[in-house]
Each structure stands twice: as C-alpha cells, then as structure tokens.
N, C-alpha and C. Protein backbone atom coordinates (compact mmCIF):
# COMPACT_ATOMS: atom_id res chain seq x y z
N MET A 1 10.09 11.89 18.82
CA MET A 1 8.98 10.99 18.80
C MET A 1 9.35 9.64 18.41
N LYS A 2 9.05 8.61 19.08
CA LYS A 2 9.38 7.26 18.81
C LYS A 2 8.37 6.79 17.77
N SER A 3 8.81 6.09 16.76
CA SER A 3 7.89 5.58 15.80
C SER A 3 7.12 4.43 16.21
N LYS A 4 5.94 4.20 15.83
CA LYS A 4 5.19 3.18 16.30
C LYS A 4 5.57 1.88 15.53
N ARG A 5 6.12 1.99 14.43
CA ARG A 5 6.57 0.89 13.61
C ARG A 5 7.93 0.37 14.08
N LEU A 6 8.64 1.27 14.81
CA LEU A 6 9.98 0.85 15.24
C LEU A 6 9.74 -0.18 16.41
N LYS A 7 9.88 -1.51 16.04
CA LYS A 7 9.32 -2.48 16.80
C LYS A 7 10.60 -2.99 17.68
N LYS A 8 10.30 -3.04 19.06
CA LYS A 8 11.32 -3.48 19.97
C LYS A 8 10.78 -4.80 20.57
N ILE A 9 11.51 -5.82 20.49
CA ILE A 9 11.02 -7.19 20.86
C ILE A 9 11.88 -7.64 21.99
N ARG A 10 11.40 -8.00 23.00
CA ARG A 10 12.22 -8.44 24.12
C ARG A 10 12.06 -9.93 24.27
N ALA A 11 13.18 -10.50 24.65
CA ALA A 11 13.26 -12.05 24.71
C ALA A 11 12.53 -12.46 25.93
N SER A 12 12.70 -11.84 27.00
CA SER A 12 11.93 -12.19 28.20
C SER A 12 11.92 -10.86 29.15
N SER A 13 11.18 -10.94 30.21
CA SER A 13 11.21 -9.91 31.01
C SER A 13 12.55 -9.60 31.68
N LYS A 14 13.38 -10.74 31.89
CA LYS A 14 14.74 -10.54 32.49
C LYS A 14 15.66 -10.24 31.48
N SER A 15 15.55 -10.41 30.22
CA SER A 15 16.64 -10.34 29.19
C SER A 15 16.76 -8.83 28.75
N ASN A 16 17.93 -8.42 28.50
CA ASN A 16 18.39 -7.16 27.93
C ASN A 16 18.61 -7.15 26.31
N ILE A 17 18.31 -8.26 25.76
CA ILE A 17 18.51 -8.56 24.43
C ILE A 17 17.23 -7.97 23.75
N SER A 18 17.41 -7.17 22.61
CA SER A 18 16.21 -6.73 21.89
C SER A 18 16.57 -6.58 20.40
N VAL A 19 15.72 -6.64 19.52
CA VAL A 19 15.93 -6.44 18.09
C VAL A 19 14.98 -5.50 17.61
N ARG A 20 15.45 -4.52 16.74
CA ARG A 20 14.69 -3.51 16.18
C ARG A 20 14.66 -3.56 14.66
N VAL A 21 13.52 -3.17 14.07
CA VAL A 21 13.41 -3.27 12.55
C VAL A 21 12.70 -1.93 12.16
N LYS A 22 13.12 -1.20 11.07
CA LYS A 22 12.55 -0.07 10.55
C LYS A 22 12.57 -0.32 9.12
N LEU A 23 11.53 0.05 8.39
CA LEU A 23 11.39 0.03 7.02
C LEU A 23 11.28 1.28 6.37
N TRP A 24 12.04 1.58 5.29
CA TRP A 24 11.86 2.79 4.54
C TRP A 24 12.15 2.43 3.02
N LEU A 25 11.58 3.33 2.07
CA LEU A 25 11.78 3.06 0.71
C LEU A 25 12.66 4.12 0.02
N GLU A 26 13.56 3.69 -0.85
CA GLU A 26 14.45 4.67 -1.46
C GLU A 26 14.37 4.44 -3.03
N ILE A 27 14.67 5.62 -3.72
CA ILE A 27 14.85 5.61 -4.99
C ILE A 27 16.35 6.16 -5.36
N ARG A 28 17.20 5.41 -5.95
CA ARG A 28 18.57 5.70 -6.25
C ARG A 28 19.36 6.01 -5.12
N GLY A 29 19.01 5.30 -3.89
CA GLY A 29 19.68 5.70 -2.70
C GLY A 29 19.16 6.74 -1.88
N GLU A 30 18.21 7.43 -2.36
CA GLU A 30 17.63 8.59 -1.64
C GLU A 30 16.20 8.14 -0.97
N PRO A 31 16.11 8.17 0.37
CA PRO A 31 14.84 7.84 1.05
C PRO A 31 13.75 8.79 0.59
N PHE A 32 12.62 8.31 0.39
CA PHE A 32 11.38 9.04 0.06
C PHE A 32 10.20 8.64 0.74
N PHE A 33 10.22 7.46 1.46
CA PHE A 33 8.97 7.02 2.13
C PHE A 33 9.38 6.24 3.32
N GLY A 34 8.87 6.59 4.45
CA GLY A 34 9.11 5.82 5.61
C GLY A 34 8.01 6.18 6.67
N GLU A 35 8.38 5.87 7.98
CA GLU A 35 7.38 6.04 9.12
C GLU A 35 6.78 7.56 9.20
N GLY A 36 7.74 8.46 9.00
CA GLY A 36 7.35 9.98 9.16
C GLY A 36 6.22 10.16 8.02
N ARG A 37 6.50 9.93 6.79
CA ARG A 37 5.70 10.12 5.70
C ARG A 37 4.19 9.26 5.93
N VAL A 38 4.53 8.05 6.44
CA VAL A 38 3.20 7.34 6.69
C VAL A 38 2.30 8.01 7.74
N GLN A 39 3.01 8.60 8.92
CA GLN A 39 2.16 9.28 9.88
C GLN A 39 1.56 10.52 9.29
N LEU A 40 2.29 11.23 8.31
CA LEU A 40 1.68 12.54 7.63
C LEU A 40 0.44 11.96 6.78
N LEU A 41 0.52 10.93 5.95
CA LEU A 41 -0.49 10.49 5.12
C LEU A 41 -1.68 9.97 5.95
N LYS A 42 -1.36 9.28 7.10
CA LYS A 42 -2.63 8.84 7.97
C LYS A 42 -3.22 10.06 8.51
N GLY A 43 -2.49 11.04 8.83
CA GLY A 43 -3.04 12.38 9.48
C GLY A 43 -3.99 13.20 8.54
N ILE A 44 -3.47 13.04 7.23
CA ILE A 44 -4.32 13.69 6.26
C ILE A 44 -5.64 12.87 5.99
N GLU A 45 -5.49 11.67 5.98
CA GLU A 45 -6.70 10.82 5.88
C GLU A 45 -7.63 11.00 7.13
N GLN A 46 -7.08 11.23 8.25
CA GLN A 46 -7.96 11.37 9.50
C GLN A 46 -8.54 12.66 9.55
N TYR A 47 -7.71 13.85 9.31
CA TYR A 47 -8.22 15.07 9.55
C TYR A 47 -8.81 15.84 8.31
N GLY A 48 -8.42 15.22 7.17
CA GLY A 48 -8.80 15.91 5.79
C GLY A 48 -8.06 17.29 5.79
N SER A 49 -6.89 17.38 6.27
CA SER A 49 -6.20 18.67 6.29
C SER A 49 -4.84 18.41 6.31
N ILE A 50 -4.01 19.12 5.46
CA ILE A 50 -2.47 18.93 5.57
C ILE A 50 -1.94 19.71 6.77
N ASN A 51 -2.55 20.79 7.07
CA ASN A 51 -2.17 21.59 8.24
C ASN A 51 -2.36 20.80 9.56
N LYS A 52 -3.50 20.25 9.79
CA LYS A 52 -3.78 19.39 10.85
C LYS A 52 -2.86 18.26 11.06
N ALA A 53 -2.64 17.59 9.95
CA ALA A 53 -1.93 16.38 9.85
C ALA A 53 -0.35 16.78 10.14
N ALA A 54 0.05 17.81 9.69
CA ALA A 54 1.53 18.35 9.98
C ALA A 54 1.51 18.68 11.44
N LYS A 55 0.59 19.23 12.12
CA LYS A 55 0.65 19.54 13.48
C LYS A 55 0.68 18.21 14.31
N ALA A 56 -0.15 17.36 13.92
CA ALA A 56 -0.23 15.90 14.62
C ALA A 56 1.12 15.31 14.45
N ALA A 57 1.89 15.35 13.28
CA ALA A 57 3.11 14.71 13.12
C ALA A 57 4.26 15.54 13.73
N LYS A 58 3.92 16.76 14.31
CA LYS A 58 4.82 17.61 14.78
C LYS A 58 5.88 18.05 13.75
N ILE A 59 5.47 18.39 12.55
CA ILE A 59 6.41 18.97 11.59
C ILE A 59 5.77 20.25 10.97
N PRO A 60 6.60 21.23 10.60
CA PRO A 60 6.04 22.46 9.96
C PRO A 60 5.35 21.99 8.67
N TYR A 61 4.29 22.93 8.54
CA TYR A 61 3.29 22.78 7.35
C TYR A 61 4.11 22.85 6.08
N ARG A 62 5.10 23.72 6.02
CA ARG A 62 5.96 23.85 4.74
C ARG A 62 6.69 22.47 4.38
N ARG A 63 7.23 22.05 5.59
CA ARG A 63 8.08 20.75 5.40
C ARG A 63 7.03 19.60 4.91
N ALA A 64 5.78 19.59 5.48
CA ALA A 64 4.83 18.55 5.17
C ALA A 64 4.50 18.69 3.62
N TRP A 65 4.26 19.85 3.15
CA TRP A 65 4.13 20.23 1.74
C TRP A 65 5.29 19.77 0.83
N GLY A 66 6.42 19.92 1.39
CA GLY A 66 7.61 19.59 0.64
C GLY A 66 7.74 18.10 0.47
N TYR A 67 7.42 17.37 1.62
CA TYR A 67 7.47 15.96 1.60
C TYR A 67 6.45 15.32 0.58
N LEU A 68 5.26 15.93 0.48
CA LEU A 68 4.21 15.38 -0.44
C LEU A 68 4.61 15.88 -1.88
N HIS A 69 5.12 16.88 -2.17
CA HIS A 69 5.61 17.23 -3.43
C HIS A 69 6.81 16.33 -4.04
N MET A 70 7.60 16.05 -2.94
CA MET A 70 8.82 15.23 -3.28
C MET A 70 8.23 13.85 -3.68
N MET A 71 7.44 13.25 -2.87
CA MET A 71 6.76 11.91 -3.12
C MET A 71 6.12 11.94 -4.42
N GLU A 72 5.37 12.87 -4.81
CA GLU A 72 4.69 12.93 -6.10
C GLU A 72 5.61 12.95 -7.28
N LYS A 73 6.80 13.70 -7.14
CA LYS A 73 7.75 13.87 -8.10
C LYS A 73 8.59 12.44 -8.32
N ARG A 74 9.04 12.01 -7.30
CA ARG A 74 9.79 10.74 -7.24
C ARG A 74 8.96 9.60 -7.79
N LEU A 75 7.77 9.50 -7.37
CA LEU A 75 6.93 8.32 -7.60
C LEU A 75 6.18 8.59 -8.91
N GLY A 76 6.00 9.76 -9.37
CA GLY A 76 5.31 10.08 -10.55
C GLY A 76 3.57 9.76 -10.34
N ILE A 77 3.23 9.99 -9.22
CA ILE A 77 1.79 9.87 -8.98
C ILE A 77 1.20 10.98 -8.13
N LYS A 78 -0.06 11.12 -8.24
CA LYS A 78 -0.71 12.24 -7.49
C LYS A 78 -0.96 11.58 -6.19
N MET A 79 -0.51 12.30 -5.10
CA MET A 79 -0.77 11.81 -3.59
C MET A 79 -2.00 12.40 -3.01
N LEU A 80 -2.55 13.53 -3.48
CA LEU A 80 -3.72 14.19 -2.91
C LEU A 80 -4.85 14.54 -3.73
N ASN A 81 -6.03 14.45 -3.37
CA ASN A 81 -7.23 15.21 -3.95
C ASN A 81 -7.48 16.25 -3.10
N THR A 82 -7.62 17.43 -3.68
CA THR A 82 -7.90 18.65 -2.67
C THR A 82 -9.20 19.31 -3.30
N ARG A 83 -9.85 19.94 -2.31
CA ARG A 83 -11.13 20.67 -2.64
C ARG A 83 -10.75 22.18 -2.08
N VAL A 84 -11.05 23.11 -2.86
CA VAL A 84 -10.80 24.45 -2.52
C VAL A 84 -11.96 25.00 -1.59
N GLY A 85 -11.67 25.78 -0.70
CA GLY A 85 -12.65 26.26 0.35
C GLY A 85 -13.85 26.83 -0.31
N GLY A 86 -14.93 27.04 0.36
CA GLY A 86 -16.22 27.55 -0.10
C GLY A 86 -17.21 27.56 1.01
N LEU A 87 -18.47 27.35 0.65
CA LEU A 87 -19.45 27.09 1.65
C LEU A 87 -19.17 26.07 2.67
N ASN A 88 -18.84 25.01 2.25
CA ASN A 88 -18.48 23.79 3.16
C ASN A 88 -17.04 23.75 3.45
N GLY A 89 -16.21 24.69 3.06
CA GLY A 89 -14.81 24.70 3.38
C GLY A 89 -13.97 23.74 2.44
N GLY A 90 -12.74 23.82 2.48
CA GLY A 90 -12.02 22.92 1.50
C GLY A 90 -11.66 21.73 2.30
N GLY A 91 -10.85 21.00 1.73
CA GLY A 91 -10.39 19.62 2.23
C GLY A 91 -9.27 18.88 1.49
N THR A 92 -8.70 17.91 2.04
CA THR A 92 -7.65 17.24 1.40
C THR A 92 -7.91 15.70 1.65
N GLN A 93 -7.87 14.87 0.55
CA GLN A 93 -7.90 13.55 0.81
C GLN A 93 -6.87 12.79 0.12
N LEU A 94 -6.42 11.67 0.58
CA LEU A 94 -5.40 10.85 -0.15
C LEU A 94 -6.02 10.45 -1.55
N SER A 95 -5.05 10.36 -2.47
CA SER A 95 -5.59 9.82 -3.75
C SER A 95 -5.61 8.26 -3.67
N ARG A 96 -6.13 7.59 -4.66
CA ARG A 96 -6.30 6.22 -4.72
C ARG A 96 -4.86 5.54 -4.74
N GLU A 97 -3.97 6.21 -5.32
CA GLU A 97 -2.67 5.72 -5.36
C GLU A 97 -1.83 5.84 -3.99
N ALA A 98 -2.03 7.02 -3.43
CA ALA A 98 -1.58 7.06 -2.19
C ALA A 98 -2.06 6.12 -1.04
N LYS A 99 -3.29 5.85 -1.13
CA LYS A 99 -3.91 4.91 -0.23
C LYS A 99 -3.37 3.47 -0.58
N GLU A 100 -3.05 3.18 -1.75
CA GLU A 100 -2.54 1.83 -2.18
C GLU A 100 -1.17 1.88 -1.68
N LEU A 101 -0.24 2.86 -1.95
CA LEU A 101 1.07 2.96 -1.35
C LEU A 101 1.04 2.66 0.16
N LEU A 102 0.32 3.42 0.86
CA LEU A 102 0.13 3.33 2.30
C LEU A 102 -0.23 1.79 2.81
N CYS A 103 -1.15 1.31 2.05
CA CYS A 103 -1.60 -0.08 2.44
C CYS A 103 -0.46 -0.99 2.22
N ARG A 104 0.09 -0.93 1.09
CA ARG A 104 1.26 -1.93 0.70
C ARG A 104 2.42 -1.81 1.65
N TYR A 105 2.70 -0.53 1.88
CA TYR A 105 3.80 -0.21 2.78
C TYR A 105 3.51 -0.91 4.34
N GLU A 106 2.34 -0.68 4.72
CA GLU A 106 2.06 -1.23 6.03
C GLU A 106 1.97 -2.77 6.02
N ASN A 107 1.50 -3.42 4.95
CA ASN A 107 1.52 -4.77 4.76
C ASN A 107 2.93 -5.29 4.82
N ILE A 108 3.81 -4.74 4.05
CA ILE A 108 5.15 -5.23 3.95
C ILE A 108 5.99 -4.96 5.34
N SER A 109 5.57 -4.03 6.05
CA SER A 109 6.14 -3.67 7.30
C SER A 109 5.70 -4.69 8.37
N SER A 110 4.48 -4.89 8.23
CA SER A 110 3.89 -5.89 9.20
C SER A 110 4.54 -7.33 9.04
N HIS A 111 4.79 -7.69 7.68
CA HIS A 111 5.36 -9.09 7.39
C HIS A 111 6.76 -9.00 7.84
N LEU A 112 7.38 -7.94 7.65
CA LEU A 112 8.80 -7.77 8.16
C LEU A 112 9.00 -7.94 9.66
N GLU A 113 8.11 -7.23 10.36
CA GLU A 113 8.17 -7.40 11.73
C GLU A 113 7.86 -8.77 12.23
N GLY A 114 6.94 -9.43 11.63
CA GLY A 114 6.67 -10.78 12.10
C GLY A 114 7.61 -11.75 11.74
N PHE A 115 8.41 -11.46 10.66
CA PHE A 115 9.48 -12.43 10.26
C PHE A 115 10.72 -12.30 11.25
N VAL A 116 11.03 -10.82 11.52
CA VAL A 116 12.23 -10.52 12.44
C VAL A 116 11.86 -11.15 13.86
N GLU A 117 10.50 -10.99 14.26
CA GLU A 117 10.25 -11.39 15.63
C GLU A 117 10.34 -12.95 15.68
N LYS A 118 9.96 -13.75 14.71
CA LYS A 118 10.12 -15.09 14.72
C LYS A 118 11.56 -15.56 14.72
N GLU A 119 12.35 -14.87 13.78
CA GLU A 119 13.78 -15.27 13.62
C GLU A 119 14.45 -15.02 14.91
N PHE A 120 14.17 -13.90 15.54
CA PHE A 120 14.83 -13.44 16.74
C PHE A 120 14.51 -14.53 18.02
N ALA A 121 13.16 -14.85 18.09
CA ALA A 121 12.74 -15.93 19.04
C ALA A 121 13.61 -17.21 18.67
N ASP A 122 13.70 -17.61 17.63
CA ASP A 122 14.39 -18.80 17.08
C ASP A 122 15.82 -18.67 17.59
N PHE A 123 16.49 -17.54 17.28
CA PHE A 123 17.89 -17.39 17.75
C PHE A 123 17.94 -17.46 19.12
N LEU A 124 17.06 -16.81 19.91
CA LEU A 124 17.31 -16.87 21.38
C LEU A 124 17.14 -18.27 21.88
N MET A 125 16.33 -19.01 21.30
CA MET A 125 16.05 -20.45 21.68
C MET A 125 17.42 -21.32 21.46
N THR A 126 18.19 -20.99 20.31
CA THR A 126 19.34 -21.60 20.09
C THR A 126 20.39 -21.19 21.03
N MET A 127 20.45 -19.89 21.38
CA MET A 127 21.38 -19.36 22.32
C MET A 127 21.10 -19.87 23.61
N ARG A 128 19.92 -20.25 24.09
CA ARG A 128 19.52 -20.67 25.42
C ARG A 128 20.30 -22.07 25.59
N TYR A 129 20.14 -22.83 24.56
CA TYR A 129 20.66 -24.23 24.57
C TYR A 129 22.30 -24.16 24.39
N ALA A 130 22.81 -23.13 23.85
CA ALA A 130 24.24 -23.06 23.72
C ALA A 130 24.89 -22.63 25.07
N ILE A 131 24.14 -22.05 25.77
CA ILE A 131 24.75 -21.46 27.11
C ILE A 131 24.99 -22.51 28.17
C-alpha cells in the first residue's frame, strides 16, 4: 500500500526526476510513529473501532493492538478512550493526547512536504540554467 504522505513531486510532465519525503518519529533510534500509525489512528477516529481501523489499514488486529500499546509505553500517554459493550455497544475513541500527536505530526509533515517541494523546484530551476 502506497503511503498518502509519501510525496512524489515531478519537475514536469516530461521529466523523470522526482523527490520523495517520508516522516517518522523515533525514540533512541527506534521508530514508533509514522504513516502506518497515522492511518491506524485515523481509522479509529473514523470507525470508533480498533478492529475496523485495523482492517482498513490492512493489518491484523493483534498487530494494531501491539502498535497502540507500544506507542503508549514509549510516549507515556494514553492513546485511547474505550467504552465496554452494552446496550449501545462499545467503542473506541482517540484520547486528547493522541489527537494532539496526530495533529502535530500532520502539521510537521505538511510543512516538510512544502519545504521539499519548494527546494526541489528551486534546484530544478538552477539545473535548467546550468544545462
């Protein structure tokens, strides 16, 4: 599955030159948050279900749970608010902290993509005059 955040920027319709940028977060050199986790969290927000979010992200439910627990452990924050089933059924929502992490990550990613796009366009312009 291609990442939506994996940005491919083309110089022109005739050019084969492209640049790609991908952002992820690490703690002590170990990745803990990137596009896959973003898709999982967005799915939980959309569906209110870890199971449905995992299916949408095409990952096993157990792996999704593992990712969520690992993020909580490494970040020291609660990622989810859950409701146990009953008359209206259960459900899962992102915690305030998880929503903030998601928002900030997407903001940084957007700024990074804009920066890379501009720098790449500037680079291609200098190359055009050098040729």
